[in-house]
Amino acid sequence: ASMITEMALADTAGTEARALRAFWILVARYSGGLALGLLAKGGVTLSGGILKRIVAFLDPKEFRRAFDDQAPLGALVAKIPVRLVTDDSSVQDGLAALAANPRRFMIDYPARLWC
């Protein structure tokens, strides 16, 4: 993956770059299908892995089109927001916020098994 990314960044019109653009479409189709299946009205957050490194190959309009293409329920999926997290510290920031003010978050603590 890192070699393909490096080659795509070196030649944004090459085969590797086209592959990364196609990968974004696959991510969009899959996450749109999952969002529909789970009825994720609160939204979908994409993060981690290679996504932040290949954001240069993301076409937001094409992504949204592929995400929403969930016939016959595309209109429902179109209302689901999508976010891409590119900040490495976001998980730590979220956990720190949770630790600092746990009552602010809707977590059923008694039902959790904390090991």
PDB file of N, CA and C in Angstrom:
ATOM      1  N   ALA A   1       0.822  -1.196   0.000  1.00  0.00           N
ATOM      2  CA  ALA A   1       0.000   0.000   0.000  1.00  0.00           C
ATOM      3  C   ALA A   1       0.864   1.256   0.000  1.00  0.00           C
ATOM      4  N   SER A   2       1.929   1.255   0.778  1.00  0.00           N
ATOM      5  CA  SER A   2       2.763   2.463   0.834  1.00  0.00           C
ATOM      6  C   SER A   2       3.477   2.708  -0.494  1.00  0.00           C
ATOM      7  N   MET A   3       3.898   1.640  -1.172  1.00  0.00           N
ATOM      8  CA  MET A   3       4.568   1.808  -2.460  1.00  0.00           C
ATOM      9  C   MET A   3       3.585   2.344  -3.509  1.00  0.00           C
ATOM     10  N   ILE A   4       2.376   1.823  -3.503  1.00  0.00           N
ATOM     11  CA  ILE A   4       1.368   2.298  -4.453  1.00  0.00           C
ATOM     12  C   ILE A   4       1.061   3.766  -4.182  1.00  0.00           C
ATOM     13  N   THR A   5       0.943   4.123  -2.920  1.00  0.00           N
ATOM     14  CA  THR A   5       0.670   5.515  -2.566  1.00  0.00           C
ATOM     15  C   THR A   5       1.803   6.422  -3.016  1.00  0.00           C
ATOM     16  N   GLU A   6       3.029   6.018  -2.772  1.00  0.00           N
ATOM     17  CA  GLU A   6       4.182   6.817  -3.204  1.00  0.00           C
ATOM     18  C   GLU A   6       4.192   6.997  -4.724  1.00  0.00           C
ATOM     19  N   MET A   7       3.925   5.923  -5.444  1.00  0.00           N
ATOM     20  CA  MET A   7       3.911   5.984  -6.908  1.00  0.00           C
ATOM     21  C   MET A   7       2.756   6.862  -7.395  1.00  0.00           C
ATOM     22  N   ALA A   8       1.611   6.789  -6.730  1.00  0.00           N
ATOM     23  CA  ALA A   8       0.462   7.612  -7.105  1.00  0.00           C
ATOM     24  C   ALA A   8       0.739   9.089  -6.852  1.00  0.00           C
ATOM     25  N   LEU A   9       1.389   9.381  -5.746  1.00  0.00           N
ATOM     26  CA  LEU A   9       1.727  10.774  -5.446  1.00  0.00           C
ATOM     27  C   LEU A   9       2.760  11.323  -6.424  1.00  0.00           C
ATOM     28  N   ALA A  10       3.637  10.450  -6.905  1.00  0.00           N
ATOM     29  CA  ALA A  10       4.651  10.866  -7.874  1.00  0.00           C
ATOM     30  C   ALA A  10       4.050  11.102  -9.256  1.00  0.00           C
ATOM     31  N   ASP A  11       3.022  10.358  -9.608  1.00  0.00           N
ATOM     32  CA  ASP A  11       2.381  10.484 -10.929  1.00  0.00           C
ATOM     33  C   ASP A  11       0.874  10.423 -10.737  1.00  0.00           C
ATOM     34  N   THR A  12       0.259  11.590 -10.556  1.00  0.00           N
ATOM     35  CA  THR A  12      -1.169  11.641 -10.245  1.00  0.00           C
ATOM     36  C   THR A  12      -2.065  11.254 -11.418  1.00  0.00           C
ATOM     37  N   ALA A  13      -1.480  11.028 -12.572  1.00  0.00           N
ATOM     38  CA  ALA A  13      -2.269  10.575 -13.730  1.00  0.00           C
ATOM     39  C   ALA A  13      -2.016   9.103 -14.037  1.00  0.00           C
ATOM     40  N   GLY A  14      -1.173   8.466 -13.249  1.00  0.00           N
ATOM     41  CA  GLY A  14      -0.781   7.083 -13.517  1.00  0.00           C
ATOM     42  C   GLY A  14      -1.793   6.055 -13.033  1.00  0.00           C
ATOM     43  N   THR A  15      -1.459   4.811 -13.293  1.00  0.00           N
ATOM     44  CA  THR A  15      -2.315   3.683 -12.928  1.00  0.00           C
ATOM     45  C   THR A  15      -2.546   3.616 -11.423  1.00  0.00           C
ATOM     46  N   GLU A  16      -1.517   3.864 -10.649  1.00  0.00           N
ATOM     47  CA  GLU A  16      -1.641   3.790  -9.197  1.00  0.00           C
ATOM     48  C   GLU A  16      -2.610   4.854  -8.675  1.00  0.00           C
ATOM     49  N   ALA A  17      -2.527   6.051  -9.233  1.00  0.00           N
ATOM     50  CA  ALA A  17      -3.437   7.128  -8.832  1.00  0.00           C
ATOM     51  C   ALA A  17      -4.880   6.774  -9.193  1.00  0.00           C
ATOM     52  N   ARG A  18      -5.072   6.191 -10.370  1.00  0.00           N
ATOM     53  CA  ARG A  18      -6.424   5.758 -10.758  1.00  0.00           C
ATOM     54  C   ARG A  18      -6.927   4.673  -9.808  1.00  0.00           C
ATOM     55  N   ALA A  19      -6.037   3.810  -9.385  1.00  0.00           N
ATOM     56  CA  ALA A  19      -6.423   2.747  -8.444  1.00  0.00           C
ATOM     57  C   ALA A  19      -6.862   3.344  -7.107  1.00  0.00           C
ATOM     58  N   LEU A  20      -6.171   4.375  -6.648  1.00  0.00           N
ATOM     59  CA  LEU A  20      -6.553   4.997  -5.379  1.00  0.00           C
ATOM     60  C   LEU A  20      -7.877   5.747  -5.505  1.00  0.00           C
ATOM     61  N   ARG A  21      -8.123   6.351  -6.648  1.00  0.00           N
ATOM     62  CA  ARG A  21      -9.427   6.991  -6.866  1.00  0.00           C
ATOM     63  C   ARG A  21     -10.542   5.942  -6.871  1.00  0.00           C
ATOM     64  N   ALA A  22     -10.271   4.802  -7.486  1.00  0.00           N
ATOM     65  CA  ALA A  22     -11.247   3.707  -7.497  1.00  0.00           C
ATOM     66  C   ALA A  22     -11.443   3.161  -6.081  1.00  0.00           C
ATOM     67  N   PHE A  23     -10.374   3.124  -5.300  1.00  0.00           N
ATOM     68  CA  PHE A  23     -10.471   2.663  -3.915  1.00  0.00           C
ATOM     69  C   PHE A  23     -11.426   3.541  -3.118  1.00  0.00           C
ATOM     70  N   TRP A  24     -11.343   4.874  -3.309  1.00  0.00           N
ATOM     71  CA  TRP A  24     -12.267   5.777  -2.622  1.00  0.00           C
ATOM     72  C   TRP A  24     -13.721   5.469  -2.981  1.00  0.00           C
ATOM     73  N   ILE A  25     -13.964   5.128  -4.243  1.00  0.00           N
ATOM     74  CA  ILE A  25     -15.328   4.783  -4.665  1.00  0.00           C
ATOM     75  C   ILE A  25     -15.779   3.503  -3.956  1.00  0.00           C
ATOM     76  N   LEU A  26     -14.887   2.530  -3.842  1.00  0.00           N
ATOM     77  CA  LEU A  26     -15.224   1.300  -3.112  1.00  0.00           C
ATOM     78  C   LEU A  26     -15.522   1.594  -1.638  1.00  0.00           C
ATOM     79  N   VAL A  27     -14.732   2.456  -1.032  1.00  0.00           N
ATOM     80  CA  VAL A  27     -14.977   2.846   0.352  1.00  0.00           C
ATOM     81  C   VAL A  27     -16.348   3.508   0.464  1.00  0.00           C
ATOM     82  N   ALA A  28     -16.663   4.354  -0.486  1.00  0.00           N
ATOM     83  CA  ALA A  28     -17.949   5.051  -0.476  1.00  0.00           C
ATOM     84  C   ALA A  28     -19.114   4.073  -0.623  1.00  0.00           C
ATOM     85  N   ARG A  29     -19.019   3.161  -1.571  1.00  0.00           N
ATOM     86  CA  ARG A  29     -20.101   2.194  -1.791  1.00  0.00           C
ATOM     87  C   ARG A  29     -20.304   1.306  -0.559  1.00  0.00           C
ATOM     88  N   TYR A  30     -19.203   0.816  -0.020  1.00  0.00           N
ATOM     89  CA  TYR A  30     -19.281  -0.075   1.137  1.00  0.00           C
ATOM     90  C   TYR A  30     -19.827   0.664   2.355  1.00  0.00           C
ATOM     91  N   SER A  31     -19.278   1.845   2.647  1.00  0.00           N
ATOM     92  CA  SER A  31     -19.731   2.582   3.824  1.00  0.00           C
ATOM     93  C   SER A  31     -21.165   3.075   3.656  1.00  0.00           C
ATOM     94  N   GLY A  32     -21.566   3.397   2.439  1.00  0.00           N
ATOM     95  CA  GLY A  32     -22.958   3.775   2.200  1.00  0.00           C
ATOM     96  C   GLY A  32     -23.898   2.616   2.448  1.00  0.00           C
ATOM     97  N   GLY A  33     -23.514   1.429   2.006  1.00  0.00           N
ATOM     98  CA  GLY A  33     -24.314   0.236   2.256  1.00  0.00           C
ATOM     99  C   GLY A  33     -24.403  -0.091   3.735  1.00  0.00           C
ATOM    100  N   LEU A  34     -23.291   0.057   4.435  1.00  0.00           N
ATOM    101  CA  LEU A  34     -23.286  -0.178   5.876  1.00  0.00           C
ATOM    102  C   LEU A  34     -24.134   0.856   6.600  1.00  0.00           C
ATOM    103  N   ALA A  35     -24.022   2.116   6.174  1.00  0.00           N
ATOM    104  CA  ALA A  35     -24.808   3.181   6.797  1.00  0.00           C
ATOM    105  C   ALA A  35     -26.297   2.906   6.633  1.00  0.00           C
ATOM    106  N   LEU A  36     -26.673   2.417   5.479  1.00  0.00           N
ATOM    107  CA  LEU A  36     -28.073   2.077   5.239  1.00  0.00           C
ATOM    108  C   LEU A  36     -28.482   0.878   6.098  1.00  0.00           C
ATOM    109  N   GLY A  37     -27.667  -0.147   6.102  1.00  0.00           N
ATOM    110  CA  GLY A  37     -27.978  -1.350   6.869  1.00  0.00           C
ATOM    111  C   GLY A  37     -28.099  -1.089   8.357  1.00  0.00           C
ATOM    112  N   LEU A  38     -27.280  -0.180   8.870  1.00  0.00           N
ATOM    113  CA  LEU A  38     -27.305   0.141  10.297  1.00  0.00           C
ATOM    114  C   LEU A  38     -28.170   1.360  10.602  1.00  0.00           C
ATOM    115  N   LEU A  39     -28.699   1.969   9.553  1.00  0.00           N
ATOM    116  CA  LEU A  39     -29.482   3.194   9.656  1.00  0.00           C
ATOM    117  C   LEU A  39     -28.746   4.217  10.526  1.00  0.00           C
ATOM    118  N   ALA A  40     -27.538   4.535  10.085  1.00  0.00           N
ATOM    119  CA  ALA A  40     -26.627   5.400  10.835  1.00  0.00           C
ATOM    120  C   ALA A  40     -26.990   6.868  10.650  1.00  0.00           C
ATOM    121  N   LYS A  41     -28.131   7.261  11.174  1.00  0.00           N
ATOM    122  CA  LYS A  41     -28.612   8.632  10.990  1.00  0.00           C
ATOM    123  C   LYS A  41     -27.675   9.674  11.586  1.00  0.00           C
ATOM    124  N   GLY A  42     -26.900   9.274  12.590  1.00  0.00           N
ATOM    125  CA  GLY A  42     -25.946  10.196  13.199  1.00  0.00           C
ATOM    126  C   GLY A  42     -24.719  10.437  12.348  1.00  0.00           C
ATOM    127  N   GLY A  43     -24.543   9.617  11.337  1.00  0.00           N
ATOM    128  CA  GLY A  43     -23.436   9.817  10.420  1.00  0.00           C
ATOM    129  C   GLY A  43     -22.430   8.688  10.426  1.00  0.00           C
ATOM    130  N   VAL A  44     -21.521   8.781   9.486  1.00  0.00           N
ATOM    131  CA  VAL A  44     -20.447   7.813   9.315  1.00  0.00           C
ATOM    132  C   VAL A  44     -19.137   8.571   9.454  1.00  0.00           C
ATOM    133  N   THR A  45     -18.245   8.029  10.256  1.00  0.00           N
ATOM    134  CA  THR A  45     -16.928   8.629  10.422  1.00  0.00           C
ATOM    135  C   THR A  45     -15.889   7.652   9.914  1.00  0.00           C
ATOM    136  N   LEU A  46     -15.104   8.104   8.971  1.00  0.00           N
ATOM    137  CA  LEU A  46     -14.018   7.305   8.409  1.00  0.00           C
ATOM    138  C   LEU A  46     -12.713   7.801   9.013  1.00  0.00           C
ATOM    139  N   SER A  47     -11.876   6.870   9.458  1.00  0.00           N
ATOM    140  CA  SER A  47     -10.607   7.282  10.043  1.00  0.00           C
ATOM    141  C   SER A  47      -9.623   6.132  10.018  1.00  0.00           C
ATOM    142  N   GLY A  48      -8.391   6.458  10.296  1.00  0.00           N
ATOM    143  CA  GLY A  48      -7.359   5.451  10.437  1.00  0.00           C
ATOM    144  C   GLY A  48      -6.865   4.891   9.124  1.00  0.00           C
ATOM    145  N   GLY A  49      -5.899   4.019   9.260  1.00  0.00           N
ATOM    146  CA  GLY A  49      -5.356   3.346   8.094  1.00  0.00           C
ATOM    147  C   GLY A  49      -4.754   4.302   7.083  1.00  0.00           C
ATOM    148  N   ILE A  50      -4.975   3.969   5.850  1.00  0.00           N
ATOM    149  CA  ILE A  50      -4.354   4.696   4.748  1.00  0.00           C
ATOM    150  C   ILE A  50      -5.161   5.918   4.295  1.00  0.00           C
ATOM    151  N   LEU A  51      -6.398   6.027   4.733  1.00  0.00           N
ATOM    152  CA  LEU A  51      -7.288   7.057   4.194  1.00  0.00           C
ATOM    153  C   LEU A  51      -6.716   8.462   4.245  1.00  0.00           C
ATOM    154  N   LYS A  52      -6.126   8.850   5.362  1.00  0.00           N
ATOM    155  CA  LYS A  52      -5.597  10.210   5.457  1.00  0.00           C
ATOM    156  C   LYS A  52      -4.399  10.426   4.520  1.00  0.00           C
ATOM    157  N   ARG A  53      -3.702   9.360   4.191  1.00  0.00           N
ATOM    158  CA  ARG A  53      -2.548   9.499   3.289  1.00  0.00           C
ATOM    159  C   ARG A  53      -2.964   9.624   1.834  1.00  0.00           C
ATOM    160  N   ILE A  54      -4.182   9.174   1.513  1.00  0.00           N
ATOM    161  CA  ILE A  54      -4.600   9.216   0.106  1.00  0.00           C
ATOM    162  C   ILE A  54      -5.741  10.210  -0.121  1.00  0.00           C
ATOM    163  N   VAL A  55      -5.912  11.127   0.809  1.00  0.00           N
ATOM    164  CA  VAL A  55      -7.000  12.102   0.683  1.00  0.00           C
ATOM    165  C   VAL A  55      -6.852  12.948  -0.585  1.00  0.00           C
ATOM    166  N   ALA A  56      -5.648  13.091  -1.099  1.00  0.00           N
ATOM    167  CA  ALA A  56      -5.432  13.860  -2.329  1.00  0.00           C
ATOM    168  C   ALA A  56      -6.151  13.235  -3.530  1.00  0.00           C
ATOM    169  N   PHE A  57      -6.493  11.961  -3.418  1.00  0.00           N
ATOM    170  CA  PHE A  57      -7.149  11.257  -4.518  1.00  0.00           C
ATOM    171  C   PHE A  57      -8.666  11.162  -4.327  1.00  0.00           C
ATOM    172  N   LEU A  58      -9.154  11.792  -3.294  1.00  0.00           N
ATOM    173  CA  LEU A  58     -10.580  11.796  -2.994  1.00  0.00           C
ATOM    174  C   LEU A  58     -11.280  12.895  -3.769  1.00  0.00           C
ATOM    175  N   ASP A  59     -12.298  12.528  -4.524  1.00  0.00           N
ATOM    176  CA  ASP A  59     -13.185  13.492  -5.171  1.00  0.00           C
ATOM    177  C   ASP A  59     -14.472  13.486  -4.346  1.00  0.00           C
ATOM    178  N   PRO A  60     -14.694  14.534  -3.528  1.00  0.00           N
ATOM    179  CA  PRO A  60     -15.849  14.532  -2.629  1.00  0.00           C
ATOM    180  C   PRO A  60     -17.195  14.323  -3.334  1.00  0.00           C
ATOM    181  N   LYS A  61     -17.366  14.893  -4.507  1.00  0.00           N
ATOM    182  CA  LYS A  61     -18.641  14.734  -5.228  1.00  0.00           C
ATOM    183  C   LYS A  61     -18.831  13.294  -5.697  1.00  0.00           C
ATOM    184  N   GLU A  62     -17.774  12.699  -6.229  1.00  0.00           N
ATOM    185  CA  GLU A  62     -17.861  11.297  -6.663  1.00  0.00           C
ATOM    186  C   GLU A  62     -18.070  10.375  -5.470  1.00  0.00           C
ATOM    187  N   PHE A  63     -17.391  10.677  -4.371  1.00  0.00           N
ATOM    188  CA  PHE A  63     -17.559   9.880  -3.161  1.00  0.00           C
ATOM    189  C   PHE A  63     -19.010   9.924  -2.704  1.00  0.00           C
ATOM    190  N   ARG A  64     -19.557  11.127  -2.623  1.00  0.00           N
ATOM    191  CA  ARG A  64     -20.934  11.276  -2.153  1.00  0.00           C
ATOM    192  C   ARG A  64     -21.915  10.578  -3.084  1.00  0.00           C
ATOM    193  N   ARG A  65     -21.679  10.694  -4.376  1.00  0.00           N
ATOM    194  CA  ARG A  65     -22.541  10.032  -5.360  1.00  0.00           C
ATOM    195  C   ARG A  65     -22.528   8.508  -5.147  1.00  0.00           C
ATOM    196  N   ALA A  66     -21.342   7.949  -4.954  1.00  0.00           N
ATOM    197  CA  ALA A  66     -21.219   6.503  -4.741  1.00  0.00           C
ATOM    198  C   ALA A  66     -21.791   6.089  -3.386  1.00  0.00           C
ATOM    199  N   PHE A  67     -21.600   6.922  -2.376  1.00  0.00           N
ATOM    200  CA  PHE A  67     -22.127   6.642  -1.036  1.00  0.00           C
ATOM    201  C   PHE A  67     -23.655   6.582  -1.071  1.00  0.00           C
ATOM    202  N   ASP A  68     -24.264   7.535  -1.768  1.00  0.00           N
ATOM    203  CA  ASP A  68     -25.726   7.647  -1.821  1.00  0.00           C
ATOM    204  C   ASP A  68     -26.375   6.642  -2.762  1.00  0.00           C
ATOM    205  N   ASP A  69     -25.601   6.017  -3.633  1.00  0.00           N
ATOM    206  CA  ASP A  69     -26.158   5.117  -4.644  1.00  0.00           C
ATOM    207  C   ASP A  69     -26.557   3.780  -4.019  1.00  0.00           C
ATOM    208  N   GLN A  70     -27.632   3.805  -3.263  1.00  0.00           N
ATOM    209  CA  GLN A  70     -28.122   2.629  -2.543  1.00  0.00           C
ATOM    210  C   GLN A  70     -29.603   2.418  -2.904  1.00  0.00           C
ATOM    211  N   ALA A  71     -29.862   2.220  -4.170  1.00  0.00           N
ATOM    212  CA  ALA A  71     -31.240   2.072  -4.656  1.00  0.00           C
ATOM    213  C   ALA A  71     -31.937   0.946  -3.933  1.00  0.00           C
ATOM    214  N   PRO A  72     -33.179   1.092  -3.626  1.00  0.00           N
ATOM    215  CA  PRO A  72     -34.073   2.227  -3.897  1.00  0.00           C
ATOM    216  C   PRO A  72     -34.118   3.239  -2.750  1.00  0.00           C
ATOM    217  N   LEU A  73     -33.172   3.183  -1.816  1.00  0.00           N
ATOM    218  CA  LEU A  73     -33.218   4.034  -0.628  1.00  0.00           C
ATOM    219  C   LEU A  73     -32.155   5.120  -0.622  1.00  0.00           C
ATOM    220  N   GLY A  74     -31.724   5.533  -1.804  1.00  0.00           N
ATOM    221  CA  GLY A  74     -30.690   6.550  -1.916  1.00  0.00           C
ATOM    222  C   GLY A  74     -31.059   7.865  -1.248  1.00  0.00           C
ATOM    223  N   ALA A  75     -32.339   8.234  -1.295  1.00  0.00           N
ATOM    224  CA  ALA A  75     -32.767   9.488  -0.666  1.00  0.00           C
ATOM    225  C   ALA A  75     -32.562   9.436   0.848  1.00  0.00           C
ATOM    226  N   LEU A  76     -32.749   8.281   1.439  1.00  0.00           N
ATOM    227  CA  LEU A  76     -32.527   8.109   2.881  1.00  0.00           C
ATOM    228  C   LEU A  76     -31.033   8.209   3.207  1.00  0.00           C
ATOM    229  N   VAL A  77     -30.218   7.556   2.407  1.00  0.00           N
ATOM    230  CA  VAL A  77     -28.768   7.565   2.628  1.00  0.00           C
ATOM    231  C   VAL A  77     -28.199   8.965   2.408  1.00  0.00           C
ATOM    232  N   ALA A  78     -28.774   9.718   1.500  1.00  0.00           N
ATOM    233  CA  ALA A  78     -28.290  11.071   1.197  1.00  0.00           C
ATOM    234  C   ALA A  78     -28.367  12.000   2.407  1.00  0.00           C
ATOM    235  N   LYS A  79     -29.189  11.654   3.378  1.00  0.00           N
ATOM    236  CA  LYS A  79     -29.330  12.475   4.587  1.00  0.00           C
ATOM    237  C   LYS A  79     -28.282  12.130   5.652  1.00  0.00           C
ATOM    238  N   ILE A  80     -27.503  11.086   5.426  1.00  0.00           N
ATOM    239  CA  ILE A  80     -26.511  10.633   6.408  1.00  0.00           C
ATOM    240  C   ILE A  80     -25.188  11.366   6.171  1.00  0.00           C
ATOM    241  N   PRO A  81     -24.717  12.110   7.179  1.00  0.00           N
ATOM    242  CA  PRO A  81     -23.448  12.811   6.998  1.00  0.00           C
ATOM    243  C   PRO A  81     -22.253  11.859   7.032  1.00  0.00           C
ATOM    244  N   VAL A  82     -21.190  12.257   6.352  1.00  0.00           N
ATOM    245  CA  VAL A  82     -19.952  11.476   6.328  1.00  0.00           C
ATOM    246  C   VAL A  82     -18.807  12.409   6.712  1.00  0.00           C
ATOM    247  N   ARG A  83     -17.945  11.913   7.598  1.00  0.00           N
ATOM    248  CA  ARG A  83     -16.782  12.684   8.029  1.00  0.00           C
ATOM    249  C   ARG A  83     -15.523  11.853   7.831  1.00  0.00           C
ATOM    250  N   LEU A  84     -14.440  12.531   7.536  1.00  0.00           N
ATOM    251  CA  LEU A  84     -13.134  11.884   7.422  1.00  0.00           C
ATOM    252  C   LEU A  84     -12.221  12.503   8.471  1.00  0.00           C
ATOM    253  N   VAL A  85     -11.737  11.682   9.382  1.00  0.00           N
ATOM    254  CA  VAL A  85     -10.835  12.148  10.436  1.00  0.00           C
ATOM    255  C   VAL A  85      -9.411  11.950   9.945  1.00  0.00           C
ATOM    256  N   THR A  86      -8.643  13.034   9.930  1.00  0.00           N
ATOM    257  CA  THR A  86      -7.254  12.943   9.489  1.00  0.00           C
ATOM    258  C   THR A  86      -6.266  13.305  10.596  1.00  0.00           C
ATOM    259  N   ASP A  87      -6.775  13.718  11.736  1.00  0.00           N
ATOM    260  CA  ASP A  87      -5.923  14.109  12.861  1.00  0.00           C
ATOM    261  C   ASP A  87      -5.606  12.884  13.709  1.00  0.00           C
ATOM    262  N   ASP A  88      -4.337  12.587  13.879  1.00  0.00           N
ATOM    263  CA  ASP A  88      -3.913  11.413  14.642  1.00  0.00           C
ATOM    264  C   ASP A  88      -4.305  11.473  16.113  1.00  0.00           C
ATOM    265  N   SER A  89      -4.503  12.665  16.650  1.00  0.00           N
ATOM    266  CA  SER A  89      -4.788  12.781  18.082  1.00  0.00           C
ATOM    267  C   SER A  89      -6.282  12.763  18.399  1.00  0.00           C
ATOM    268  N   SER A  90      -7.140  12.573  17.413  1.00  0.00           N
ATOM    269  CA  SER A  90      -8.584  12.665  17.645  1.00  0.00           C
ATOM    270  C   SER A  90      -9.098  11.602  18.619  1.00  0.00           C
ATOM    271  N   VAL A  91      -8.576  10.392  18.555  1.00  0.00           N
ATOM    272  CA  VAL A  91      -9.020   9.342  19.469  1.00  0.00           C
ATOM    273  C   VAL A  91      -8.607   9.697  20.890  1.00  0.00           C
ATOM    274  N   GLN A  92      -7.392  10.138  21.061  1.00  0.00           N
ATOM    275  CA  GLN A  92      -6.919  10.526  22.391  1.00  0.00           C
ATOM    276  C   GLN A  92      -7.730  11.700  22.928  1.00  0.00           C
ATOM    277  N   ASP A  93      -8.030  12.667  22.065  1.00  0.00           N
ATOM    278  CA  ASP A  93      -8.829  13.818  22.490  1.00  0.00           C
ATOM    279  C   ASP A  93     -10.219  13.379  22.936  1.00  0.00           C
ATOM    280  N   GLY A  94     -10.822  12.459  22.195  1.00  0.00           N
ATOM    281  CA  GLY A  94     -12.150  11.959  22.551  1.00  0.00           C
ATOM    282  C   GLY A  94     -12.143  11.208  23.863  1.00  0.00           C
ATOM    283  N   LEU A  95     -11.154  10.359  24.063  1.00  0.00           N
ATOM    284  CA  LEU A  95     -11.059   9.614  25.318  1.00  0.00           C
ATOM    285  C   LEU A  95     -10.787  10.543  26.498  1.00  0.00           C
ATOM    286  N   ALA A  96      -9.993  11.578  26.273  1.00  0.00           N
ATOM    287  CA  ALA A  96      -9.732  12.545  27.341  1.00  0.00           C
ATOM    288  C   ALA A  96     -11.013  13.291  27.712  1.00  0.00           C
ATOM    289  N   ALA A  97     -11.813  13.650  26.699  1.00  0.00           N
ATOM    290  CA  ALA A  97     -13.090  14.314  26.969  1.00  0.00           C
ATOM    291  C   ALA A  97     -14.030  13.395  27.737  1.00  0.00           C
ATOM    292  N   LEU A  98     -14.052  12.138  27.369  1.00  0.00           N
ATOM    293  CA  LEU A  98     -14.885  11.150  28.061  1.00  0.00           C
ATOM    294  C   LEU A  98     -14.439  10.991  29.514  1.00  0.00           C
ATOM    295  N   ALA A  99     -13.141  10.892  29.733  1.00  0.00           N
ATOM    296  CA  ALA A  99     -12.621  10.728  31.091  1.00  0.00           C
ATOM    297  C   ALA A  99     -12.886  11.968  31.943  1.00  0.00           C
ATOM    298  N   ALA A 100     -12.806  13.145  31.338  1.00  0.00           N
ATOM    299  CA  ALA A 100     -12.992  14.384  32.077  1.00  0.00           C
ATOM    300  C   ALA A 100     -14.450  14.639  32.445  1.00  0.00           C
ATOM    301  N   ASN A 101     -15.368  14.191  31.604  1.00  0.00           N
ATOM    302  CA  ASN A 101     -16.785  14.482  31.840  1.00  0.00           C
ATOM    303  C   ASN A 101     -17.648  13.324  31.343  1.00  0.00           C
ATOM    304  N   PRO A 102     -17.609  12.171  31.996  1.00  0.00           N
ATOM    305  CA  PRO A 102     -18.304  10.979  31.483  1.00  0.00           C
ATOM    306  C   PRO A 102     -19.823  11.121  31.419  1.00  0.00           C
ATOM    307  N   ARG A 103     -20.414  11.959  32.239  1.00  0.00           N
ATOM    308  CA  ARG A 103     -21.871  12.107  32.232  1.00  0.00           C
ATOM    309  C   ARG A 103     -22.369  12.855  31.001  1.00  0.00           C
ATOM    310  N   ARG A 104     -21.482  13.488  30.310  1.00  0.00           N
ATOM    311  CA  ARG A 104     -21.845  14.232  29.104  1.00  0.00           C
ATOM    312  C   ARG A 104     -22.113  13.291  27.926  1.00  0.00           C
ATOM    313  N   PHE A 105     -21.658  12.054  28.030  1.00  0.00           N
ATOM    314  CA  PHE A 105     -21.762  11.093  26.942  1.00  0.00           C
ATOM    315  C   PHE A 105     -22.815  10.049  27.259  1.00  0.00           C
ATOM    316  N   MET A 106     -23.527   9.608  26.237  1.00  0.00           N
ATOM    317  CA  MET A 106     -24.606   8.634  26.421  1.00  0.00           C
ATOM    318  C   MET A 106     -24.037   7.220  26.366  1.00  0.00           C
ATOM    319  N   ILE A 107     -23.457   6.806  27.474  1.00  0.00           N
ATOM    320  CA  ILE A 107     -22.880   5.464  27.572  1.00  0.00           C
ATOM    321  C   ILE A 107     -23.538   4.763  28.755  1.00  0.00           C
ATOM    322  N   ASP A 108     -23.995   3.576  28.547  1.00  0.00           N
ATOM    323  CA  ASP A 108     -24.610   2.786  29.604  1.00  0.00           C
ATOM    324  C   ASP A 108     -23.489   2.112  30.386  1.00  0.00           C
ATOM    325  N   TYR A 109     -22.916   2.833  31.360  1.00  0.00           N
ATOM    326  CA  TYR A 109     -21.765   2.329  32.096  1.00  0.00           C
ATOM    327  C   TYR A 109     -22.025   1.018  32.827  1.00  0.00           C
ATOM    328  N   PRO A 110     -23.181   0.836  33.485  1.00  0.00           N
ATOM    329  CA  PRO A 110     -23.396  -0.440  34.166  1.00  0.00           C
ATOM    330  C   PRO A 110     -23.389  -1.636  33.213  1.00  0.00           C
ATOM    331  N   ALA A 111     -23.775  -1.413  31.971  1.00  0.00           N
ATOM    332  CA  ALA A 111     -23.821  -2.521  31.009  1.00  0.00           C
ATOM    333  C   ALA A 111     -22.446  -2.802  30.384  1.00  0.00           C
ATOM    334  N   ARG A 112     -21.494  -1.925  30.617  1.00  0.00           N
ATOM    335  CA  ARG A 112     -20.148  -2.098  30.064  1.00  0.00           C
ATOM    336  C   ARG A 112     -19.328  -3.036  30.919  1.00  0.00           C
ATOM    337  N   LEU A 113     -18.476  -3.789  30.295  1.00  0.00           N
ATOM    338  CA  LEU A 113     -17.547  -4.642  31.014  1.00  0.00           C
ATOM    339  C   LEU A 113     -16.165  -4.027  30.844  1.00  0.00           C
ATOM    340  N   TRP A 114     -15.700  -3.369  31.870  1.00  0.00           N
ATOM    341  CA  TRP A 114     -14.406  -2.708  31.810  1.00  0.00           C
ATOM    342  C   TRP A 114     -13.355  -3.666  32.369  1.00  0.00           C
ATOM    343  N   CYS A 115     -12.415  -4.023  31.564  1.00  0.00           N
ATOM    344  CA  CYS A 115     -11.362  -4.958  31.987  1.00  0.00           C
ATOM    345  C   CYS A 115     -10.088  -4.219  32.291  1.00  0.00           C
TER     346      CYS A 115
END
